[in-house]
Amino acid sequence: MTIQLSIFLSLVLYMPQLLVISISLQIPLFQINCWPP
């Protein structure tokens, strides 16, 4: 397996997890910013 192929496969495998993590991190920040202090 070439290095580029392994990098591509790892990106394809981990990209949904990164999206879910980023969304789950943005939701609490968004709620905190929307709530009055």
PDB file of N, CA and C in Angstrom:
ATOM      1  N   MET A   1       0.862  -1.203   0.000  1.00  0.00           N
ATOM      2  CA  MET A   1       0.000   0.000   0.000  1.00  0.00           C
ATOM      3  C   MET A   1       0.891   1.244   0.000  1.00  0.00           C
ATOM      4  N   THR A   2       0.561   2.166  -0.864  1.00  0.00           N
ATOM      5  CA  THR A   2       1.373   3.384  -0.931  1.00  0.00           C
ATOM      6  C   THR A   2       0.990   4.329   0.208  1.00  0.00           C
ATOM      7  N   ILE A   3       1.845   5.291   0.444  1.00  0.00           N
ATOM      8  CA  ILE A   3       1.597   6.240   1.539  1.00  0.00           C
ATOM      9  C   ILE A   3       0.393   7.119   1.210  1.00  0.00           C
ATOM     10  N   GLN A   4       0.288   7.545  -0.050  1.00  0.00           N
ATOM     11  CA  GLN A   4      -0.829   8.419  -0.428  1.00  0.00           C
ATOM     12  C   GLN A   4      -2.157   7.680  -0.276  1.00  0.00           C
ATOM     13  N   LEU A   5      -2.187   6.407  -0.652  1.00  0.00           N
ATOM     14  CA  LEU A   5      -3.428   5.644  -0.534  1.00  0.00           C
ATOM     15  C   LEU A   5      -3.821   5.465   0.931  1.00  0.00           C
ATOM     16  N   SER A   6      -2.843   5.215   1.767  1.00  0.00           N
ATOM     17  CA  SER A   6      -3.145   5.033   3.186  1.00  0.00           C
ATOM     18  C   SER A   6      -3.632   6.349   3.807  1.00  0.00           C
ATOM     19  N   ILE A   7      -3.028   7.462   3.382  1.00  0.00           N
ATOM     20  CA  ILE A   7      -3.478   8.769   3.876  1.00  0.00           C
ATOM     21  C   ILE A   7      -4.907   9.047   3.406  1.00  0.00           C
ATOM     22  N   PHE A   8      -5.189   8.717   2.156  1.00  0.00           N
ATOM     23  CA  PHE A   8      -6.536   8.932   1.638  1.00  0.00           C
ATOM     24  C   PHE A   8      -7.548   8.071   2.391  1.00  0.00           C
ATOM     25  N   LEU A   9      -7.195   6.818   2.641  1.00  0.00           N
ATOM     26  CA  LEU A   9      -8.106   5.928   3.365  1.00  0.00           C
ATOM     27  C   LEU A   9      -8.331   6.426   4.794  1.00  0.00           C
ATOM     28  N   SER A  10      -7.275   6.887   5.423  1.00  0.00           N
ATOM     29  CA  SER A  10      -7.427   7.376   6.791  1.00  0.00           C
ATOM     30  C   SER A  10      -8.292   8.639   6.826  1.00  0.00           C
ATOM     31  N   LEU A  11      -8.143   9.489   5.814  1.00  0.00           N
ATOM     32  CA  LEU A  11      -8.986  10.683   5.743  1.00  0.00           C
ATOM     33  C   LEU A  11     -10.451  10.297   5.550  1.00  0.00           C
ATOM     34  N   VAL A  12     -10.692   9.346   4.668  1.00  0.00           N
ATOM     35  CA  VAL A  12     -12.072   8.913   4.423  1.00  0.00           C
ATOM     36  C   VAL A  12     -12.668   8.282   5.683  1.00  0.00           C
ATOM     37  N   LEU A  13     -11.842   7.572   6.422  1.00  0.00           N
ATOM     38  CA  LEU A  13     -12.349   6.902   7.626  1.00  0.00           C
ATOM     39  C   LEU A  13     -12.589   7.899   8.754  1.00  0.00           C
ATOM     40  N   TYR A  14     -11.706   8.876   8.900  1.00  0.00           N
ATOM     41  CA  TYR A  14     -11.767   9.754  10.066  1.00  0.00           C
ATOM     42  C   TYR A  14     -12.545  11.042   9.824  1.00  0.00           C
ATOM     43  N   MET A  15     -12.833  11.368   8.564  1.00  0.00           N
ATOM     44  CA  MET A  15     -13.522  12.622   8.295  1.00  0.00           C
ATOM     45  C   MET A  15     -14.914  12.682   8.925  1.00  0.00           C
ATOM     46  N   PRO A  16     -15.729  11.631   8.834  1.00  0.00           N
ATOM     47  CA  PRO A  16     -17.042  11.714   9.511  1.00  0.00           C
ATOM     48  C   PRO A  16     -16.897  11.906  11.017  1.00  0.00           C
ATOM     49  N   GLN A  17     -15.933  11.252  11.635  1.00  0.00           N
ATOM     50  CA  GLN A  17     -15.739  11.427  13.078  1.00  0.00           C
ATOM     51  C   GLN A  17     -15.335  12.860  13.395  1.00  0.00           C
ATOM     52  N   LEU A  18     -14.477  13.441  12.560  1.00  0.00           N
ATOM     53  CA  LEU A  18     -14.067  14.834  12.790  1.00  0.00           C
ATOM     54  C   LEU A  18     -15.259  15.773  12.624  1.00  0.00           C
ATOM     55  N   LEU A  19     -16.111  15.487  11.650  1.00  0.00           N
ATOM     56  CA  LEU A  19     -17.298  16.325  11.453  1.00  0.00           C
ATOM     57  C   LEU A  19     -18.217  16.233  12.663  1.00  0.00           C
ATOM     58  N   VAL A  20     -18.435  15.024  13.147  1.00  0.00           N
ATOM     59  CA  VAL A  20     -19.316  14.846  14.304  1.00  0.00           C
ATOM     60  C   VAL A  20     -18.725  15.543  15.527  1.00  0.00           C
ATOM     61  N   ILE A  21     -17.422  15.425  15.710  1.00  0.00           N
ATOM     62  CA  ILE A  21     -16.775  16.060  16.862  1.00  0.00           C
ATOM     63  C   ILE A  21     -16.870  17.582  16.754  1.00  0.00           C
ATOM     64  N   SER A  22     -16.621  18.102  15.571  1.00  0.00           N
ATOM     65  CA  SER A  22     -16.671  19.558  15.408  1.00  0.00           C
ATOM     66  C   SER A  22     -18.095  20.076  15.610  1.00  0.00           C
ATOM     67  N   ILE A  23     -19.079  19.339  15.095  1.00  0.00           N
ATOM     68  CA  ILE A  23     -20.477  19.758  15.285  1.00  0.00           C
ATOM     69  C   ILE A  23     -20.846  19.696  16.759  1.00  0.00           C
ATOM     70  N   SER A  24     -20.467  18.633  17.427  1.00  0.00           N
ATOM     71  CA  SER A  24     -20.817  18.484  18.841  1.00  0.00           C
ATOM     72  C   SER A  24     -20.084  19.515  19.701  1.00  0.00           C
ATOM     73  N   LEU A  25     -18.929  19.985  19.224  1.00  0.00           N
ATOM     74  CA  LEU A  25     -18.227  21.038  19.957  1.00  0.00           C
ATOM     75  C   LEU A  25     -18.838  22.408  19.669  1.00  0.00           C
ATOM     76  N   GLN A  26     -19.341  22.599  18.470  1.00  0.00           N
ATOM     77  CA  GLN A  26     -19.894  23.905  18.107  1.00  0.00           C
ATOM     78  C   GLN A  26     -21.264  24.132  18.728  1.00  0.00           C
ATOM     79  N   ILE A  27     -22.018  23.079  18.958  1.00  0.00           N
ATOM     80  CA  ILE A  27     -23.370  23.239  19.489  1.00  0.00           C
ATOM     81  C   ILE A  27     -23.347  23.840  20.902  1.00  0.00           C
ATOM     82  N   PRO A  28     -22.521  23.332  21.838  1.00  0.00           N
ATOM     83  CA  PRO A  28     -22.493  23.968  23.163  1.00  0.00           C
ATOM     84  C   PRO A  28     -21.983  25.409  23.105  1.00  0.00           C
ATOM     85  N   LEU A  29     -20.990  25.678  22.262  1.00  0.00           N
ATOM     86  CA  LEU A  29     -20.506  27.055  22.142  1.00  0.00           C
ATOM     87  C   LEU A  29     -21.603  27.959  21.607  1.00  0.00           C
ATOM     88  N   PHE A  30     -22.350  27.453  20.632  1.00  0.00           N
ATOM     89  CA  PHE A  30     -23.444  28.247  20.079  1.00  0.00           C
ATOM     90  C   PHE A  30     -24.509  28.507  21.143  1.00  0.00           C
ATOM     91  N   GLN A  31     -24.815  27.503  21.946  1.00  0.00           N
ATOM     92  CA  GLN A  31     -25.821  27.683  22.989  1.00  0.00           C
ATOM     93  C   GLN A  31     -25.330  28.683  24.039  1.00  0.00           C
ATOM     94  N   ILE A  32     -24.054  28.577  24.377  1.00  0.00           N
ATOM     95  CA  ILE A  32     -23.509  29.506  25.380  1.00  0.00           C
ATOM     96  C   ILE A  32     -23.545  30.942  24.855  1.00  0.00           C
ATOM     97  N   ASN A  33     -23.253  31.109  23.563  1.00  0.00           N
ATOM     98  CA  ASN A  33     -23.266  32.451  22.996  1.00  0.00           C
ATOM     99  C   ASN A  33     -24.687  32.993  22.879  1.00  0.00           C
ATOM    100  N   CYS A  34     -25.660  32.104  22.719  1.00  0.00           N
ATOM    101  CA  CYS A  34     -27.044  32.563  22.548  1.00  0.00           C
ATOM    102  C   CYS A  34     -27.693  32.863  23.899  1.00  0.00           C
ATOM    103  N   TRP A  35     -27.278  32.131  24.915  1.00  0.00           N
ATOM    104  CA  TRP A  35     -27.892  32.373  26.220  1.00  0.00           C
ATOM    105  C   TRP A  35     -27.466  33.740  26.760  1.00  0.00           C
ATOM    106  N   PRO A  36     -28.361  34.439  27.419  1.00  0.00           N
ATOM    107  CA  PRO A  36     -27.955  35.715  28.039  1.00  0.00           C
ATOM    108  C   PRO A  36     -27.008  35.452  29.195  1.00  0.00           C
ATOM    109  N   PRO A  37     -26.097  36.320  29.462  1.00  0.00           N
ATOM    110  CA  PRO A  37     -25.102  36.114  30.530  1.00  0.00           C
ATOM    111  C   PRO A  37     -25.729  36.224  31.930  1.00  0.00           C
TER     112      PRO A  37
END
